[in-house]
Amino acid sequence: MRVIDARALEPPGPFERVIDALADLPLGEKMLLIINREPMPLYRFLLNNGYAYKSSPFPDGRFEIEIWETAAAPGAQPE
């Protein structure tokens, strides 16, 4: 699983890193994004472009978001 730790990055850095990494993500593999805020614009992008995600908040304020490509039509709800 590829991990992107974007906690030290300011927007739009995390978004840009994820988009770049998705281009190389093999079908069936997942990516993990670690970030200090919930990336609402990223969620919309993922759903509109054939990706699913699972977001997990933590007490220290970080979010860990698993991302993977889905065969479902764009706009499908996350798992």
PDB file of N, CA and C in Angstrom:
ATOM      1  N   MET A   1       0.851  -1.176   0.000  1.00  0.00           N
ATOM      2  CA  MET A   1       0.000   0.000   0.000  1.00  0.00           C
ATOM      3  C   MET A   1       0.898   1.240   0.000  1.00  0.00           C
ATOM      4  N   ARG A   2       0.654   2.115  -0.926  1.00  0.00           N
ATOM      5  CA  ARG A   2       1.404   3.368  -0.974  1.00  0.00           C
ATOM      6  C   ARG A   2       0.842   4.318   0.096  1.00  0.00           C
ATOM      7  N   VAL A   3       1.733   4.983   0.825  1.00  0.00           N
ATOM      8  CA  VAL A   3       1.328   5.907   1.894  1.00  0.00           C
ATOM      9  C   VAL A   3       1.794   7.310   1.536  1.00  0.00           C
ATOM     10  N   ILE A   4       0.869   8.265   1.639  1.00  0.00           N
ATOM     11  CA  ILE A   4       1.197   9.674   1.463  1.00  0.00           C
ATOM     12  C   ILE A   4       0.910  10.364   2.789  1.00  0.00           C
ATOM     13  N   ASP A   5       1.961  10.823   3.442  1.00  0.00           N
ATOM     14  CA  ASP A   5       1.808  11.560   4.695  1.00  0.00           C
ATOM     15  C   ASP A   5       1.838  13.040   4.350  1.00  0.00           C
ATOM     16  N   ALA A   6       0.656  13.657   4.330  1.00  0.00           N
ATOM     17  CA  ALA A   6       0.522  15.047   3.898  1.00  0.00           C
ATOM     18  C   ALA A   6       0.259  15.990   5.066  1.00  0.00           C
ATOM     19  N   ARG A   7       0.559  15.548   6.276  1.00  0.00           N
ATOM     20  CA  ARG A   7       0.256  16.382   7.447  1.00  0.00           C
ATOM     21  C   ARG A   7       1.019  17.697   7.455  1.00  0.00           C
ATOM     22  N   ALA A   8       2.178  17.759   6.842  1.00  0.00           N
ATOM     23  CA  ALA A   8       2.977  18.987   6.859  1.00  0.00           C
ATOM     24  C   ALA A   8       2.698  19.881   5.648  1.00  0.00           C
ATOM     25  N   LEU A   9       1.815  19.447   4.759  1.00  0.00           N
ATOM     26  CA  LEU A   9       1.552  20.204   3.531  1.00  0.00           C
ATOM     27  C   LEU A   9       0.329  21.099   3.669  1.00  0.00           C
ATOM     28  N   GLU A  10       0.403  22.268   3.065  1.00  0.00           N
ATOM     29  CA  GLU A  10      -0.734  23.180   2.986  1.00  0.00           C
ATOM     30  C   GLU A  10      -1.481  22.904   1.681  1.00  0.00           C
ATOM     31  N   PRO A  11      -2.794  23.174   1.658  1.00  0.00           N
ATOM     32  CA  PRO A  11      -3.540  23.020   0.411  1.00  0.00           C
ATOM     33  C   PRO A  11      -2.956  23.930  -0.670  1.00  0.00           C
ATOM     34  N   PRO A  12      -2.933  23.501  -1.892  1.00  0.00           N
ATOM     35  CA  PRO A  12      -3.496  22.262  -2.451  1.00  0.00           C
ATOM     36  C   PRO A  12      -2.494  21.111  -2.516  1.00  0.00           C
ATOM     37  N   GLY A  13      -1.410  21.177  -1.772  1.00  0.00           N
ATOM     38  CA  GLY A  13      -0.367  20.154  -1.805  1.00  0.00           C
ATOM     39  C   GLY A  13      -0.862  18.725  -1.645  1.00  0.00           C
ATOM     40  N   PRO A  14      -1.667  18.438  -0.598  1.00  0.00           N
ATOM     41  CA  PRO A  14      -2.140  17.053  -0.435  1.00  0.00           C
ATOM     42  C   PRO A  14      -2.967  16.565  -1.625  1.00  0.00           C
ATOM     43  N   PHE A  15      -3.849  17.419  -2.123  1.00  0.00           N
ATOM     44  CA  PHE A  15      -4.685  17.066  -3.264  1.00  0.00           C
ATOM     45  C   PHE A  15      -3.814  16.734  -4.473  1.00  0.00           C
ATOM     46  N   GLU A  16      -2.840  17.588  -4.746  1.00  0.00           N
ATOM     47  CA  GLU A  16      -1.949  17.379  -5.891  1.00  0.00           C
ATOM     48  C   GLU A  16      -1.143  16.100  -5.763  1.00  0.00           C
ATOM     49  N   ARG A  17      -0.657  15.803  -4.569  1.00  0.00           N
ATOM     50  CA  ARG A  17       0.121  14.564  -4.361  1.00  0.00           C
ATOM     51  C   ARG A  17      -0.739  13.331  -4.611  1.00  0.00           C
ATOM     52  N   VAL A  18      -1.974  13.369  -4.121  1.00  0.00           N
ATOM     53  CA  VAL A  18      -2.862  12.215  -4.314  1.00  0.00           C
ATOM     54  C   VAL A  18      -3.178  12.032  -5.790  1.00  0.00           C
ATOM     55  N   ILE A  19      -3.515  13.106  -6.485  1.00  0.00           N
ATOM     56  CA  ILE A  19      -3.858  13.003  -7.900  1.00  0.00           C
ATOM     57  C   ILE A  19      -2.683  12.428  -8.694  1.00  0.00           C
ATOM     58  N   ASP A  20      -1.482  12.912  -8.416  1.00  0.00           N
ATOM     59  CA  ASP A  20      -0.292  12.387  -9.101  1.00  0.00           C
ATOM     60  C   ASP A  20      -0.096  10.902  -8.810  1.00  0.00           C
ATOM     61  N   ALA A  21      -0.283  10.502  -7.554  1.00  0.00           N
ATOM     62  CA  ALA A  21      -0.073   9.108  -7.161  1.00  0.00           C
ATOM     63  C   ALA A  21      -1.142   8.185  -7.743  1.00  0.00           C
ATOM     64  N   LEU A  22      -2.356   8.684  -7.899  1.00  0.00           N
ATOM     65  CA  LEU A  22      -3.419   7.849  -8.459  1.00  0.00           C
ATOM     66  C   LEU A  22      -3.120   7.425  -9.889  1.00  0.00           C
ATOM     67  N   ALA A  23      -2.391   8.241 -10.610  1.00  0.00           N
ATOM     68  CA  ALA A  23      -2.040   7.905 -11.992  1.00  0.00           C
ATOM     69  C   ALA A  23      -1.197   6.633 -12.067  1.00  0.00           C
ATOM     70  N   ASP A  24      -0.462   6.323 -10.989  1.00  0.00           N
ATOM     71  CA  ASP A  24       0.411   5.140 -10.964  1.00  0.00           C
ATOM     72  C   ASP A  24      -0.131   4.012 -10.091  1.00  0.00           C
ATOM     73  N   LEU A  25      -1.330   4.177  -9.549  1.00  0.00           N
ATOM     74  CA  LEU A  25      -1.882   3.167  -8.642  1.00  0.00           C
ATOM     75  C   LEU A  25      -2.464   2.005  -9.447  1.00  0.00           C
ATOM     76  N   PRO A  26      -1.887   0.813  -9.308  1.00  0.00           N
ATOM     77  CA  PRO A  26      -2.423  -0.337 -10.039  1.00  0.00           C
ATOM     78  C   PRO A  26      -3.832  -0.697  -9.565  1.00  0.00           C
ATOM     79  N   LEU A  27      -4.652  -1.139 -10.485  1.00  0.00           N
ATOM     80  CA  LEU A  27      -6.003  -1.580 -10.161  1.00  0.00           C
ATOM     81  C   LEU A  27      -5.925  -2.679  -9.109  1.00  0.00           C
ATOM     82  N   GLY A  28      -6.714  -2.573  -8.074  1.00  0.00           N
ATOM     83  CA  GLY A  28      -6.721  -3.564  -7.004  1.00  0.00           C
ATOM     84  C   GLY A  28      -5.858  -3.181  -5.821  1.00  0.00           C
ATOM     85  N   GLU A  29      -5.012  -2.159  -5.972  1.00  0.00           N
ATOM     86  CA  GLU A  29      -4.187  -1.703  -4.852  1.00  0.00           C
ATOM     87  C   GLU A  29      -4.811  -0.481  -4.210  1.00  0.00           C
ATOM     88  N   LYS A  30      -4.430  -0.248  -2.952  1.00  0.00           N
ATOM     89  CA  LYS A  30      -4.952   0.895  -2.206  1.00  0.00           C
ATOM     90  C   LYS A  30      -3.834   1.872  -1.884  1.00  0.00           C
ATOM     91  N   MET A  31      -4.248   3.096  -1.655  1.00  0.00           N
ATOM     92  CA  MET A  31      -3.349   4.160  -1.232  1.00  0.00           C
ATOM     93  C   MET A  31      -3.869   4.648   0.122  1.00  0.00           C
ATOM     94  N   LEU A  32      -2.960   5.074   0.978  1.00  0.00           N
ATOM     95  CA  LEU A  32      -3.344   5.629   2.276  1.00  0.00           C
ATOM     96  C   LEU A  32      -2.856   7.061   2.349  1.00  0.00           C
ATOM     97  N   LEU A  33      -3.792   7.986   2.582  1.00  0.00           N
ATOM     98  CA  LEU A  33      -3.475   9.388   2.779  1.00  0.00           C
ATOM     99  C   LEU A  33      -3.623   9.702   4.257  1.00  0.00           C
ATOM    100  N   ILE A  34      -2.585  10.309   4.839  1.00  0.00           N
ATOM    101  CA  ILE A  34      -2.636  10.768   6.228  1.00  0.00           C
ATOM    102  C   ILE A  34      -2.599  12.288   6.176  1.00  0.00           C
ATOM    103  N   ILE A  35      -3.601  12.926   6.775  1.00  0.00           N
ATOM    104  CA  ILE A  35      -3.740  14.378   6.653  1.00  0.00           C
ATOM    105  C   ILE A  35      -4.355  14.939   7.939  1.00  0.00           C
ATOM    106  N   ASN A  36      -4.095  16.209   8.210  1.00  0.00           N
ATOM    107  CA  ASN A  36      -4.563  16.838   9.452  1.00  0.00           C
ATOM    108  C   ASN A  36      -5.935  17.480   9.356  1.00  0.00           C
ATOM    109  N   ARG A  37      -6.595  17.366   8.237  1.00  0.00           N
ATOM    110  CA  ARG A  37      -7.943  17.911   8.084  1.00  0.00           C
ATOM    111  C   ARG A  37      -8.715  17.031   7.114  1.00  0.00           C
ATOM    112  N   GLU A  38     -10.018  17.092   7.189  1.00  0.00           N
ATOM    113  CA  GLU A  38     -10.821  16.274   6.290  1.00  0.00           C
ATOM    114  C   GLU A  38     -10.831  16.920   4.900  1.00  0.00           C
ATOM    115  N   PRO A  39     -10.402  16.188   3.878  1.00  0.00           N
ATOM    116  CA  PRO A  39     -10.249  16.757   2.533  1.00  0.00           C
ATOM    117  C   PRO A  39     -11.522  16.658   1.686  1.00  0.00           C
ATOM    118  N   MET A  40     -12.496  17.473   1.998  1.00  0.00           N
ATOM    119  CA  MET A  40     -13.785  17.405   1.314  1.00  0.00           C
ATOM    120  C   MET A  40     -13.668  17.536  -0.217  1.00  0.00           C
ATOM    121  N   PRO A  41     -12.863  18.474  -0.755  1.00  0.00           N
ATOM    122  CA  PRO A  41     -12.745  18.545  -2.226  1.00  0.00           C
ATOM    123  C   PRO A  41     -12.180  17.254  -2.833  1.00  0.00           C
ATOM    124  N   LEU A  42     -11.294  16.596  -2.113  1.00  0.00           N
ATOM    125  CA  LEU A  42     -10.734  15.343  -2.606  1.00  0.00           C
ATOM    126  C   LEU A  42     -11.813  14.273  -2.692  1.00  0.00           C
ATOM    127  N   TYR A  43     -12.684  14.204  -1.697  1.00  0.00           N
ATOM    128  CA  TYR A  43     -13.765  13.209  -1.715  1.00  0.00           C
ATOM    129  C   TYR A  43     -14.616  13.358  -2.982  1.00  0.00           C
ATOM    130  N   ARG A  44     -14.982  14.590  -3.313  1.00  0.00           N
ATOM    131  CA  ARG A  44     -15.793  14.817  -4.519  1.00  0.00           C
ATOM    132  C   ARG A  44     -15.047  14.366  -5.769  1.00  0.00           C
ATOM    133  N   PHE A  45     -13.761  14.709  -5.844  1.00  0.00           N
ATOM    134  CA  PHE A  45     -12.959  14.296  -6.995  1.00  0.00           C
ATOM    135  C   PHE A  45     -12.940  12.772  -7.109  1.00  0.00           C
ATOM    136  N   LEU A  46     -12.690  12.090  -6.012  1.00  0.00           N
ATOM    137  CA  LEU A  46     -12.607  10.631  -6.037  1.00  0.00           C
ATOM    138  C   LEU A  46     -13.900  10.000  -6.532  1.00  0.00           C
ATOM    139  N   LEU A  47     -15.013  10.421  -5.976  1.00  0.00           N
ATOM    140  CA  LEU A  47     -16.297   9.843  -6.364  1.00  0.00           C
ATOM    141  C   LEU A  47     -16.645  10.133  -7.819  1.00  0.00           C
ATOM    142  N   ASN A  48     -16.248  11.294  -8.305  1.00  0.00           N
ATOM    143  CA  ASN A  48     -16.554  11.671  -9.686  1.00  0.00           C
ATOM    144  C   ASN A  48     -15.612  11.037 -10.709  1.00  0.00           C
ATOM    145  N   ASN A  49     -14.550  10.378 -10.236  1.00  0.00           N
ATOM    146  CA  ASN A  49     -13.551   9.831 -11.150  1.00  0.00           C
ATOM    147  C   ASN A  49     -13.285   8.343 -10.967  1.00  0.00           C
ATOM    148  N   GLY A  50     -14.247   7.623 -10.394  1.00  0.00           N
ATOM    149  CA  GLY A  50     -14.146   6.170 -10.331  1.00  0.00           C
ATOM    150  C   GLY A  50     -13.308   5.611  -9.200  1.00  0.00           C
ATOM    151  N   TYR A  51     -13.198   6.367  -8.103  1.00  0.00           N
ATOM    152  CA  TYR A  51     -12.461   5.888  -6.930  1.00  0.00           C
ATOM    153  C   TYR A  51     -13.399   5.824  -5.733  1.00  0.00           C
ATOM    154  N   ALA A  52     -13.075   4.961  -4.820  1.00  0.00           N
ATOM    155  CA  ALA A  52     -13.798   4.856  -3.557  1.00  0.00           C
ATOM    156  C   ALA A  52     -12.811   5.172  -2.440  1.00  0.00           C
ATOM    157  N   TYR A  53     -13.352   5.453  -1.266  1.00  0.00           N
ATOM    158  CA  TYR A  53     -12.484   5.775  -0.137  1.00  0.00           C
ATOM    159  C   TYR A  53     -13.148   5.390   1.169  1.00  0.00           C
ATOM    160  N   LYS A  54     -12.321   5.243   2.171  1.00  0.00           N
ATOM    161  CA  LYS A  54     -12.786   5.022   3.541  1.00  0.00           C
ATOM    162  C   LYS A  54     -11.996   5.980   4.414  1.00  0.00           C
ATOM    163  N   SER A  55     -12.690   6.879   5.081  1.00  0.00           N
ATOM    164  CA  SER A  55     -12.053   7.898   5.907  1.00  0.00           C
ATOM    165  C   SER A  55     -12.197   7.533   7.378  1.00  0.00           C
ATOM    166  N   SER A  56     -11.065   7.582   8.108  1.00  0.00           N
ATOM    167  CA  SER A  56     -11.064   7.273   9.534  1.00  0.00           C
ATOM    168  C   SER A  56     -10.474   8.443  10.303  1.00  0.00           C
ATOM    169  N   PRO A  57     -11.308   9.129  11.129  1.00  0.00           N
ATOM    170  CA  PRO A  57     -10.782  10.212  11.956  1.00  0.00           C
ATOM    171  C   PRO A  57     -10.137   9.661  13.225  1.00  0.00           C
ATOM    172  N   PHE A  58      -9.162  10.398  13.757  1.00  0.00           N
ATOM    173  CA  PHE A  58      -8.475  10.001  14.982  1.00  0.00           C
ATOM    174  C   PHE A  58      -8.549  11.133  15.999  1.00  0.00           C
ATOM    175  N   PRO A  59      -8.463  10.819  17.301  1.00  0.00           N
ATOM    176  CA  PRO A  59      -8.575  11.836  18.348  1.00  0.00           C
ATOM    177  C   PRO A  59      -7.552  12.973  18.241  1.00  0.00           C
ATOM    178  N   ASP A  60      -6.394  12.711  17.637  1.00  0.00           N
ATOM    179  CA  ASP A  60      -5.376  13.765  17.531  1.00  0.00           C
ATOM    180  C   ASP A  60      -5.649  14.731  16.373  1.00  0.00           C
ATOM    181  N   GLY A  61      -6.783  14.536  15.667  1.00  0.00           N
ATOM    182  CA  GLY A  61      -7.169  15.447  14.600  1.00  0.00           C
ATOM    183  C   GLY A  61      -6.791  14.991  13.204  1.00  0.00           C
ATOM    184  N   ARG A  62      -6.026  13.920  13.081  1.00  0.00           N
ATOM    185  CA  ARG A  62      -5.636  13.459  11.756  1.00  0.00           C
ATOM    186  C   ARG A  62      -6.736  12.578  11.161  1.00  0.00           C
ATOM    187  N   PHE A  63      -6.693  12.476   9.853  1.00  0.00           N
ATOM    188  CA  PHE A  63      -7.567  11.569   9.127  1.00  0.00           C
ATOM    189  C   PHE A  63      -6.687  10.624   8.341  1.00  0.00           C
ATOM    190  N   GLU A  64      -7.052   9.360   8.311  1.00  0.00           N
ATOM    191  CA  GLU A  64      -6.395   8.380   7.470  1.00  0.00           C
ATOM    192  C   GLU A  64      -7.432   7.920   6.460  1.00  0.00           C
ATOM    193  N   ILE A  65      -7.107   8.102   5.176  1.00  0.00           N
ATOM    194  CA  ILE A  65      -8.061   7.846   4.118  1.00  0.00           C
ATOM    195  C   ILE A  65      -7.494   6.802   3.163  1.00  0.00           C
ATOM    196  N   GLU A  66      -8.155   5.656   3.115  1.00  0.00           N
ATOM    197  CA  GLU A  66      -7.794   4.614   2.163  1.00  0.00           C
ATOM    198  C   GLU A  66      -8.502   4.929   0.850  1.00  0.00           C
ATOM    199  N   ILE A  67      -7.781   4.839  -0.249  1.00  0.00           N
ATOM    200  CA  ILE A  67      -8.321   5.171  -1.567  1.00  0.00           C
ATOM    201  C   ILE A  67      -8.020   4.017  -2.519  1.00  0.00           C
ATOM    202  N   TRP A  68      -9.004   3.666  -3.338  1.00  0.00           N
ATOM    203  CA  TRP A  68      -8.795   2.624  -4.340  1.00  0.00           C
ATOM    204  C   TRP A  68      -9.714   2.882  -5.530  1.00  0.00           C
ATOM    205  N   GLU A  69      -9.270   2.361  -6.668  1.00  0.00           N
ATOM    206  CA  GLU A  69     -10.070   2.481  -7.888  1.00  0.00           C
ATOM    207  C   GLU A  69     -11.184   1.453  -7.835  1.00  0.00           C
ATOM    208  N   THR A  70     -12.335   1.841  -8.328  1.00  0.00           N
ATOM    209  CA  THR A  70     -13.478   0.945  -8.321  1.00  0.00           C
ATOM    210  C   THR A  70     -14.007   0.763  -9.730  1.00  0.00           C
ATOM    211  N   ALA A  71     -14.611  -0.362  -9.972  1.00  0.00           N
ATOM    212  CA  ALA A  71     -15.213  -0.610 -11.275  1.00  0.00           C
ATOM    213  C   ALA A  71     -16.590   0.034 -11.355  1.00  0.00           C
ATOM    214  N   ALA A  72     -17.071   0.551 -10.216  1.00  0.00           N
ATOM    215  CA  ALA A  72     -18.389   1.174 -10.178  1.00  0.00           C
ATOM    216  C   ALA A  72     -18.386   2.467 -11.004  1.00  0.00           C
ATOM    217  N   ALA A  73     -19.532   2.858 -11.418  1.00  0.00           N
ATOM    218  CA  ALA A  73     -19.664   4.091 -12.190  1.00  0.00           C
ATOM    219  C   ALA A  73     -19.275   5.291 -11.334  1.00  0.00           C
ATOM    220  N   PRO A  74     -18.699   6.323 -11.942  1.00  0.00           N
ATOM    221  CA  PRO A  74     -18.389   7.540 -11.188  1.00  0.00           C
ATOM    222  C   PRO A  74     -19.637   8.045 -10.476  1.00  0.00           C
ATOM    223  N   GLY A  75     -19.431   8.518  -9.262  1.00  0.00           N
ATOM    224  CA  GLY A  75     -20.532   9.023  -8.443  1.00  0.00           C
ATOM    225  C   GLY A  75     -21.071   7.976  -7.471  1.00  0.00           C
ATOM    226  N   ALA A  76     -20.530   6.746  -7.516  1.00  0.00           N
ATOM    227  CA  ALA A  76     -20.968   5.715  -6.596  1.00  0.00           C
ATOM    228  C   ALA A  76     -20.576   6.081  -5.176  1.00  0.00           C
ATOM    229  N   GLN A  77     -21.330   5.613  -4.238  1.00  0.00           N
ATOM    230  CA  GLN A  77     -21.064   5.907  -2.834  1.00  0.00           C
ATOM    231  C   GLN A  77     -19.853   5.124  -2.349  1.00  0.00           C
ATOM    232  N   PRO A  78     -19.082   5.718  -1.401  1.00  0.00           N
ATOM    233  CA  PRO A  78     -17.914   4.998  -0.869  1.00  0.00           C
ATOM    234  C   PRO A  78     -18.336   3.783  -0.080  1.00  0.00           C
ATOM    235  N   GLU A  79     -17.417   2.859   0.058  1.00  0.00           N
ATOM    236  CA  GLU A  79     -17.656   1.616   0.809  1.00  0.00           C
ATOM    237  C   GLU A  79     -17.768   1.906   2.284  1.00  0.00           C
TER     238      GLU A  79
END
